Amino acid sequence: MRNTAIHNKQGFSLIELSIVLFLLFFLVGIVMAIKGRIVAAQGAHTITEMQSILDGARQFYLQNNRWPNNIAEVQTFLPKIPTNNLFGNAYNVSPSGNVFMVNTIVPYNSINTMRDGRFVVISNTGSANLVQLSTTIPMDNKIGRLQYEQAWVH
């Protein structure tokens, strides 16, 4: 009499399980790489928006001889500037003397410490980073006048 219990095994072999696990890890790796690139692109976009806020603040300063106190005042020059970044966190501005700063919170490691040759201040707050850009009063040091101000020649 033949033993049928040996020939009717059910389940997967070690090779089949290894192949499935390899494919699963490969797909997870691809998804994580894509997600990392998306977060990095959102971080770069956040820096671009912050630089636009600084540009709007400079324009505001040139017209009003003071820094804007909030994003709404910056939006009088650049109405398409959002109040929140792509991660849903608010842009905060702080005028102080001859320096104007903008900061926001972004996910950990979503931006580099240098962007377009400018240093970005990043403070690690655990699972997120505090990102800060600043500008000073737009002066032309050669002639001692505000930048963009027309020099009158007599």
N, C-alpha and C. Protein backbone atom coordinates (compact mmCIF):
# COMPACT_ATOMS: atom_id res chain seq x y z
N MET A 1 0.83 -1.15 0.00
CA MET A 1 0.00 0.00 0.00
C MET A 1 0.90 1.25 0.00
N ARG A 2 0.49 2.21 -0.78
CA ARG A 2 1.29 3.42 -0.97
C ARG A 2 0.88 4.48 0.06
N ASN A 3 1.86 5.19 0.61
CA ASN A 3 1.60 6.24 1.58
C ASN A 3 1.28 7.53 0.82
N THR A 4 0.02 7.97 0.84
CA THR A 4 -0.40 9.15 0.09
C THR A 4 -0.19 10.44 0.86
N ALA A 5 0.08 10.37 2.12
CA ALA A 5 0.28 11.57 2.91
C ALA A 5 1.54 12.33 2.47
N ILE A 6 2.55 11.60 1.99
CA ILE A 6 3.78 12.24 1.58
C ILE A 6 3.58 12.99 0.26
N HIS A 7 2.79 12.48 -0.63
CA HIS A 7 2.63 13.07 -1.96
C HIS A 7 1.57 14.17 -2.00
N ASN A 8 0.78 14.34 -1.01
CA ASN A 8 -0.26 15.37 -0.99
C ASN A 8 0.12 16.55 -0.09
N LYS A 9 1.37 16.96 -0.11
CA LYS A 9 1.79 18.08 0.72
C LYS A 9 1.15 19.36 0.19
N GLN A 10 0.87 20.22 1.12
CA GLN A 10 0.34 21.53 0.76
C GLN A 10 1.27 22.60 1.32
N GLY A 11 1.29 23.79 0.67
CA GLY A 11 2.14 24.87 1.12
C GLY A 11 3.15 25.23 0.05
N PHE A 12 4.05 26.12 0.44
CA PHE A 12 5.04 26.62 -0.51
C PHE A 12 6.40 26.06 -0.18
N SER A 13 7.20 25.94 -1.21
CA SER A 13 8.57 25.48 -0.99
C SER A 13 9.42 26.68 -0.55
N LEU A 14 10.60 26.42 -0.08
CA LEU A 14 11.51 27.47 0.37
C LEU A 14 11.89 28.40 -0.79
N ILE A 15 12.05 27.87 -1.96
CA ILE A 15 12.39 28.68 -3.14
C ILE A 15 11.23 29.61 -3.49
N GLU A 16 10.02 29.10 -3.48
CA GLU A 16 8.85 29.94 -3.79
C GLU A 16 8.71 31.08 -2.78
N LEU A 17 8.88 30.77 -1.50
CA LEU A 17 8.81 31.82 -0.47
C LEU A 17 9.92 32.85 -0.65
N SER A 18 11.11 32.40 -0.99
CA SER A 18 12.23 33.33 -1.20
C SER A 18 11.96 34.27 -2.37
N ILE A 19 11.41 33.74 -3.45
CA ILE A 19 11.10 34.57 -4.62
C ILE A 19 10.04 35.60 -4.27
N VAL A 20 9.00 35.21 -3.57
CA VAL A 20 7.93 36.13 -3.19
C VAL A 20 8.48 37.22 -2.27
N LEU A 21 9.29 36.85 -1.29
CA LEU A 21 9.88 37.84 -0.39
C LEU A 21 10.80 38.81 -1.14
N PHE A 22 11.61 38.29 -2.07
CA PHE A 22 12.48 39.15 -2.86
C PHE A 22 11.65 40.17 -3.66
N LEU A 23 10.60 39.72 -4.32
CA LEU A 23 9.75 40.63 -5.09
C LEU A 23 9.06 41.65 -4.19
N LEU A 24 8.63 41.22 -3.03
CA LEU A 24 7.98 42.14 -2.08
C LEU A 24 8.95 43.23 -1.62
N PHE A 25 10.16 42.85 -1.24
CA PHE A 25 11.16 43.84 -0.81
C PHE A 25 11.56 44.76 -1.97
N PHE A 26 11.65 44.22 -3.16
CA PHE A 26 11.98 45.02 -4.33
C PHE A 26 10.91 46.08 -4.58
N LEU A 27 9.65 45.69 -4.51
CA LEU A 27 8.56 46.65 -4.72
C LEU A 27 8.50 47.70 -3.61
N VAL A 28 8.71 47.29 -2.38
CA VAL A 28 8.73 48.24 -1.25
C VAL A 28 9.87 49.24 -1.44
N GLY A 29 11.02 48.78 -1.89
CA GLY A 29 12.15 49.66 -2.15
C GLY A 29 11.83 50.69 -3.22
N ILE A 30 11.16 50.28 -4.27
CA ILE A 30 10.78 51.21 -5.34
C ILE A 30 9.80 52.24 -4.81
N VAL A 31 8.81 51.82 -4.05
CA VAL A 31 7.82 52.74 -3.50
C VAL A 31 8.49 53.74 -2.56
N MET A 32 9.40 53.28 -1.72
CA MET A 32 10.08 54.18 -0.79
C MET A 32 10.97 55.18 -1.54
N ALA A 33 11.62 54.75 -2.61
CA ALA A 33 12.45 55.67 -3.40
C ALA A 33 11.59 56.75 -4.05
N ILE A 34 10.45 56.36 -4.58
CA ILE A 34 9.54 57.33 -5.20
C ILE A 34 9.02 58.30 -4.14
N LYS A 35 8.64 57.78 -2.99
CA LYS A 35 8.15 58.64 -1.92
C LYS A 35 9.23 59.62 -1.47
N GLY A 36 10.48 59.17 -1.37
CA GLY A 36 11.58 60.03 -0.99
C GLY A 36 11.79 61.16 -1.99
N ARG A 37 11.66 60.85 -3.28
CA ARG A 37 11.81 61.88 -4.31
C ARG A 37 10.67 62.89 -4.25
N ILE A 38 9.48 62.42 -3.96
CA ILE A 38 8.34 63.33 -3.86
C ILE A 38 8.53 64.28 -2.68
N VAL A 39 8.95 63.75 -1.54
CA VAL A 39 9.17 64.59 -0.36
C VAL A 39 10.30 65.58 -0.62
N ALA A 40 11.36 65.15 -1.31
CA ALA A 40 12.47 66.06 -1.64
C ALA A 40 11.99 67.17 -2.57
N ALA A 41 11.15 66.83 -3.54
CA ALA A 41 10.60 67.84 -4.45
C ALA A 41 9.71 68.82 -3.70
N GLN A 42 8.93 68.33 -2.76
CA GLN A 42 8.09 69.22 -1.95
C GLN A 42 8.96 70.13 -1.08
N GLY A 43 10.07 69.61 -0.56
CA GLY A 43 10.99 70.42 0.22
C GLY A 43 11.62 71.52 -0.64
N ALA A 44 12.02 71.18 -1.86
CA ALA A 44 12.60 72.18 -2.76
C ALA A 44 11.56 73.25 -3.11
N HIS A 45 10.32 72.83 -3.30
CA HIS A 45 9.25 73.78 -3.59
C HIS A 45 9.01 74.72 -2.40
N THR A 46 9.12 74.18 -1.20
CA THR A 46 8.97 74.99 0.01
C THR A 46 10.04 76.07 0.06
N ILE A 47 11.29 75.72 -0.26
CA ILE A 47 12.37 76.71 -0.27
C ILE A 47 12.09 77.78 -1.32
N THR A 48 11.60 77.38 -2.48
CA THR A 48 11.26 78.34 -3.54
C THR A 48 10.18 79.30 -3.07
N GLU A 49 9.15 78.78 -2.41
CA GLU A 49 8.09 79.64 -1.89
C GLU A 49 8.63 80.59 -0.82
N MET A 50 9.53 80.10 0.03
CA MET A 50 10.12 80.95 1.06
C MET A 50 10.94 82.08 0.43
N GLN A 51 11.67 81.76 -0.64
CA GLN A 51 12.43 82.79 -1.34
C GLN A 51 11.49 83.81 -1.98
N SER A 52 10.34 83.36 -2.47
CA SER A 52 9.35 84.29 -3.02
C SER A 52 8.79 85.20 -1.93
N ILE A 53 8.58 84.66 -0.75
CA ILE A 53 8.11 85.48 0.38
C ILE A 53 9.15 86.55 0.70
N LEU A 54 10.43 86.17 0.68
CA LEU A 54 11.49 87.15 0.93
C LEU A 54 11.50 88.23 -0.15
N ASP A 55 11.30 87.83 -1.41
CA ASP A 55 11.25 88.82 -2.50
C ASP A 55 10.08 89.78 -2.30
N GLY A 56 8.92 89.25 -1.93
CA GLY A 56 7.76 90.09 -1.67
C GLY A 56 8.01 91.02 -0.49
N ALA A 57 8.70 90.53 0.52
CA ALA A 57 9.02 91.36 1.69
C ALA A 57 9.95 92.50 1.30
N ARG A 58 10.92 92.22 0.42
CA ARG A 58 11.82 93.28 -0.05
C ARG A 58 11.05 94.35 -0.82
N GLN A 59 10.13 93.90 -1.69
CA GLN A 59 9.31 94.85 -2.44
C GLN A 59 8.46 95.68 -1.49
N PHE A 60 7.89 95.03 -0.49
CA PHE A 60 7.09 95.74 0.51
C PHE A 60 7.95 96.78 1.22
N TYR A 61 9.17 96.39 1.58
CA TYR A 61 10.05 97.31 2.29
C TYR A 61 10.38 98.54 1.43
N LEU A 62 10.65 98.30 0.15
CA LEU A 62 10.99 99.41 -0.73
C LEU A 62 9.85 100.41 -0.88
N GLN A 63 8.63 99.94 -0.82
CA GLN A 63 7.48 100.82 -0.97
C GLN A 63 7.06 101.46 0.35
N ASN A 64 7.15 100.73 1.46
CA ASN A 64 6.62 101.20 2.74
C ASN A 64 7.67 101.58 3.78
N ASN A 65 8.94 101.36 3.46
CA ASN A 65 10.03 101.66 4.36
C ASN A 65 9.92 100.91 5.70
N ARG A 66 9.34 99.75 5.68
CA ARG A 66 9.27 98.85 6.84
C ARG A 66 9.00 97.44 6.32
N TRP A 67 9.31 96.46 7.16
CA TRP A 67 9.05 95.06 6.79
C TRP A 67 7.57 94.74 6.99
N PRO A 68 7.03 93.79 6.22
CA PRO A 68 5.65 93.35 6.47
C PRO A 68 5.57 92.59 7.80
N ASN A 69 4.44 92.73 8.46
CA ASN A 69 4.26 92.06 9.75
C ASN A 69 3.70 90.66 9.63
N ASN A 70 3.13 90.32 8.47
CA ASN A 70 2.54 89.00 8.29
C ASN A 70 2.51 88.64 6.81
N ILE A 71 2.10 87.41 6.53
CA ILE A 71 2.03 86.92 5.15
C ILE A 71 1.01 87.72 4.34
N ALA A 72 -0.07 88.14 4.97
CA ALA A 72 -1.11 88.89 4.24
C ALA A 72 -0.53 90.17 3.63
N GLU A 73 0.37 90.83 4.34
CA GLU A 73 1.00 92.03 3.79
C GLU A 73 1.94 91.68 2.63
N VAL A 74 2.60 90.54 2.70
CA VAL A 74 3.45 90.10 1.58
C VAL A 74 2.58 89.80 0.37
N GLN A 75 1.40 89.24 0.61
CA GLN A 75 0.51 88.88 -0.49
C GLN A 75 -0.04 90.09 -1.23
N THR A 76 0.12 91.30 -0.69
CA THR A 76 -0.28 92.48 -1.45
C THR A 76 0.63 92.66 -2.67
N PHE A 77 1.86 92.13 -2.61
CA PHE A 77 2.78 92.19 -3.74
C PHE A 77 2.81 90.89 -4.54
N LEU A 78 2.70 89.79 -3.86
CA LEU A 78 2.72 88.48 -4.51
C LEU A 78 1.49 87.69 -4.06
N PRO A 79 0.34 87.92 -4.69
CA PRO A 79 -0.90 87.31 -4.20
C PRO A 79 -0.94 85.79 -4.30
N LYS A 80 -0.07 85.18 -5.10
CA LYS A 80 -0.12 83.72 -5.25
C LYS A 80 0.69 82.99 -4.20
N ILE A 81 1.31 83.72 -3.28
CA ILE A 81 2.08 83.09 -2.20
C ILE A 81 1.10 82.44 -1.23
N PRO A 82 1.23 81.13 -1.01
CA PRO A 82 0.33 80.47 -0.05
C PRO A 82 0.74 80.77 1.39
N THR A 83 -0.18 80.57 2.29
CA THR A 83 0.13 80.77 3.71
C THR A 83 0.69 79.50 4.35
N ASN A 84 0.50 78.35 3.71
CA ASN A 84 1.03 77.07 4.20
C ASN A 84 1.90 76.42 3.14
N ASN A 85 2.88 75.62 3.59
CA ASN A 85 3.70 74.88 2.64
C ASN A 85 2.97 73.62 2.18
N LEU A 86 3.59 72.85 1.28
CA LEU A 86 2.95 71.64 0.76
C LEU A 86 2.75 70.56 1.81
N PHE A 87 3.42 70.68 2.94
CA PHE A 87 3.25 69.72 4.02
C PHE A 87 2.14 70.13 4.98
N GLY A 88 1.51 71.29 4.72
CA GLY A 88 0.40 71.76 5.54
C GLY A 88 0.79 72.62 6.72
N ASN A 89 2.06 72.98 6.82
CA ASN A 89 2.53 73.81 7.93
C ASN A 89 2.62 75.27 7.50
N ALA A 90 2.33 76.17 8.42
CA ALA A 90 2.27 77.61 8.10
C ALA A 90 3.65 78.20 7.90
N TYR A 91 3.69 79.21 7.04
CA TYR A 91 4.88 80.06 6.92
C TYR A 91 4.76 81.15 7.98
N ASN A 92 5.80 81.33 8.76
CA ASN A 92 5.82 82.36 9.80
C ASN A 92 6.86 83.40 9.42
N VAL A 93 6.50 84.66 9.56
CA VAL A 93 7.44 85.74 9.27
C VAL A 93 7.74 86.49 10.55
N SER A 94 8.96 87.01 10.62
CA SER A 94 9.32 87.82 11.78
C SER A 94 10.27 88.93 11.35
N PRO A 95 9.72 90.15 11.28
CA PRO A 95 10.57 91.29 10.98
C PRO A 95 11.30 91.74 12.25
N SER A 96 12.57 92.09 12.10
CA SER A 96 13.34 92.51 13.26
C SER A 96 14.44 93.46 12.79
N GLY A 97 14.24 94.74 13.01
CA GLY A 97 15.24 95.72 12.62
C GLY A 97 15.51 95.71 11.13
N ASN A 98 16.76 95.42 10.74
CA ASN A 98 17.08 95.39 9.32
C ASN A 98 17.06 93.98 8.75
N VAL A 99 16.54 93.00 9.52
CA VAL A 99 16.47 91.60 9.07
C VAL A 99 15.02 91.14 9.03
N PHE A 100 14.69 90.42 7.97
CA PHE A 100 13.37 89.82 7.83
C PHE A 100 13.56 88.33 7.68
N MET A 101 12.87 87.54 8.50
CA MET A 101 13.01 86.09 8.46
C MET A 101 11.68 85.42 8.17
N VAL A 102 11.75 84.31 7.47
CA VAL A 102 10.58 83.46 7.24
C VAL A 102 10.99 82.05 7.63
N ASN A 103 10.10 81.33 8.32
CA ASN A 103 10.40 79.96 8.69
C ASN A 103 9.15 79.10 8.60
N THR A 104 9.38 77.81 8.58
CA THR A 104 8.30 76.83 8.52
C THR A 104 8.84 75.48 8.98
N ILE A 105 7.94 74.57 9.22
CA ILE A 105 8.29 73.20 9.63
C ILE A 105 8.13 72.28 8.41
N VAL A 106 9.12 71.42 8.20
CA VAL A 106 9.07 70.43 7.12
C VAL A 106 9.46 69.07 7.70
N PRO A 107 9.08 67.97 7.03
CA PRO A 107 9.49 66.65 7.53
C PRO A 107 11.01 66.52 7.58
N TYR A 108 11.47 65.70 8.48
CA TYR A 108 12.89 65.45 8.68
C TYR A 108 13.54 65.02 7.36
N ASN A 109 14.69 65.61 7.03
CA ASN A 109 15.48 65.31 5.83
C ASN A 109 14.76 65.55 4.52
N SER A 110 13.82 66.48 4.48
CA SER A 110 13.14 66.75 3.21
C SER A 110 13.84 67.82 2.39
N ILE A 111 14.77 68.56 2.99
CA ILE A 111 15.54 69.54 2.23
C ILE A 111 17.00 69.48 2.63
N ASN A 112 17.85 69.98 1.75
CA ASN A 112 19.28 70.05 2.01
C ASN A 112 19.59 71.32 2.77
N THR A 113 20.78 71.38 3.35
CA THR A 113 21.16 72.56 4.10
C THR A 113 21.63 73.70 3.21
N MET A 114 21.84 73.44 1.92
CA MET A 114 22.22 74.51 1.02
C MET A 114 21.32 74.43 -0.21
N ARG A 115 20.81 75.56 -0.62
CA ARG A 115 19.91 75.60 -1.77
C ARG A 115 20.29 76.81 -2.61
N ASP A 116 20.60 76.61 -3.86
CA ASP A 116 20.95 77.68 -4.78
C ASP A 116 22.07 78.56 -4.23
N GLY A 117 23.06 77.94 -3.59
CA GLY A 117 24.19 78.69 -3.06
C GLY A 117 23.93 79.42 -1.76
N ARG A 118 22.70 79.35 -1.24
CA ARG A 118 22.36 80.03 0.01
C ARG A 118 22.24 78.99 1.12
N PHE A 119 22.74 79.35 2.29
CA PHE A 119 22.61 78.45 3.42
C PHE A 119 21.21 78.58 4.02
N VAL A 120 20.64 77.47 4.36
CA VAL A 120 19.33 77.42 4.98
C VAL A 120 19.53 76.94 6.41
N VAL A 121 19.00 77.67 7.36
CA VAL A 121 19.13 77.28 8.75
C VAL A 121 18.11 76.18 9.04
N ILE A 122 18.58 75.06 9.52
CA ILE A 122 17.69 73.95 9.84
C ILE A 122 17.93 73.54 11.28
N SER A 123 16.88 73.52 12.04
CA SER A 123 16.94 73.03 13.42
C SER A 123 16.13 71.76 13.50
N ASN A 124 16.74 70.70 13.98
CA ASN A 124 16.04 69.43 14.11
C ASN A 124 15.15 69.47 15.34
N THR A 125 13.85 69.21 15.13
CA THR A 125 12.91 69.21 16.24
C THR A 125 12.37 67.80 16.50
N GLY A 126 13.17 66.79 16.20
CA GLY A 126 12.72 65.42 16.38
C GLY A 126 12.34 64.81 15.05
N SER A 127 11.05 64.69 14.78
CA SER A 127 10.60 64.09 13.52
C SER A 127 10.46 65.13 12.42
N ALA A 128 10.74 66.39 12.72
CA ALA A 128 10.60 67.45 11.73
C ALA A 128 11.78 68.42 11.84
N ASN A 129 11.92 69.26 10.82
CA ASN A 129 12.96 70.28 10.82
C ASN A 129 12.32 71.65 10.76
N LEU A 130 12.89 72.60 11.48
CA LEU A 130 12.51 73.99 11.37
C LEU A 130 13.44 74.62 10.35
N VAL A 131 12.89 75.16 9.28
CA VAL A 131 13.67 75.74 8.20
C VAL A 131 13.50 77.25 8.25
N GLN A 132 14.60 77.98 8.09
CA GLN A 132 14.53 79.44 8.19
C GLN A 132 15.39 80.08 7.12
N LEU A 133 14.85 81.06 6.43
CA LEU A 133 15.59 81.90 5.49
C LEU A 133 15.48 83.33 5.97
N SER A 134 16.48 84.14 5.68
CA SER A 134 16.40 85.54 6.09
C SER A 134 16.96 86.43 5.01
N THR A 135 16.61 87.70 5.08
CA THR A 135 17.13 88.71 4.18
C THR A 135 17.35 89.98 4.97
N THR A 136 18.14 90.86 4.42
CA THR A 136 18.38 92.15 5.07
C THR A 136 17.80 93.24 4.18
N ILE A 137 17.84 94.46 4.69
CA ILE A 137 17.34 95.59 3.92
C ILE A 137 18.09 95.63 2.60
N PRO A 138 17.36 95.71 1.49
CA PRO A 138 18.02 95.65 0.17
C PRO A 138 18.79 96.92 -0.15
N MET A 139 20.04 96.98 0.30
CA MET A 139 20.89 98.15 0.07
C MET A 139 21.91 97.86 -1.01
N ASP A 140 22.23 98.85 -1.79
CA ASP A 140 23.35 98.79 -2.71
C ASP A 140 24.51 99.45 -1.99
N ASN A 141 25.45 98.65 -1.52
CA ASN A 141 26.54 99.16 -0.67
C ASN A 141 27.45 100.14 -1.39
N LYS A 142 27.50 100.10 -2.72
CA LYS A 142 28.39 100.99 -3.45
C LYS A 142 27.93 102.44 -3.38
N ILE A 143 26.60 102.63 -3.45
CA ILE A 143 26.10 104.00 -3.45
C ILE A 143 25.29 104.33 -2.20
N GLY A 144 25.12 103.38 -1.31
CA GLY A 144 24.43 103.64 -0.05
C GLY A 144 22.95 103.91 -0.21
N ARG A 145 22.33 103.40 -1.24
CA ARG A 145 20.90 103.60 -1.46
C ARG A 145 20.20 102.25 -1.48
N LEU A 146 18.90 102.29 -1.29
CA LEU A 146 18.12 101.06 -1.41
C LEU A 146 18.25 100.52 -2.83
N GLN A 147 18.36 99.23 -2.95
CA GLN A 147 18.39 98.63 -4.27
C GLN A 147 17.09 98.95 -4.99
N TYR A 148 17.14 99.00 -6.28
CA TYR A 148 16.00 99.26 -7.16
C TYR A 148 15.58 100.73 -7.11
N GLU A 149 16.16 101.51 -6.18
CA GLU A 149 15.85 102.93 -6.14
C GLU A 149 16.66 103.60 -7.25
N GLN A 150 16.03 104.44 -8.00
CA GLN A 150 16.72 105.05 -9.12
C GLN A 150 17.65 106.16 -8.62
N ALA A 151 18.88 106.13 -9.04
CA ALA A 151 19.86 107.16 -8.66
C ALA A 151 19.67 108.32 -9.63
N TRP A 152 19.37 109.50 -9.11
CA TRP A 152 19.14 110.68 -9.95
C TRP A 152 20.47 111.35 -10.25
N VAL A 153 20.70 111.62 -11.49
CA VAL A 153 21.92 112.27 -11.91
C VAL A 153 21.55 113.66 -12.39
N HIS A 154 22.23 114.71 -11.85
CA HIS A 154 21.94 116.09 -12.26
C HIS A 154 23.01 116.58 -13.18
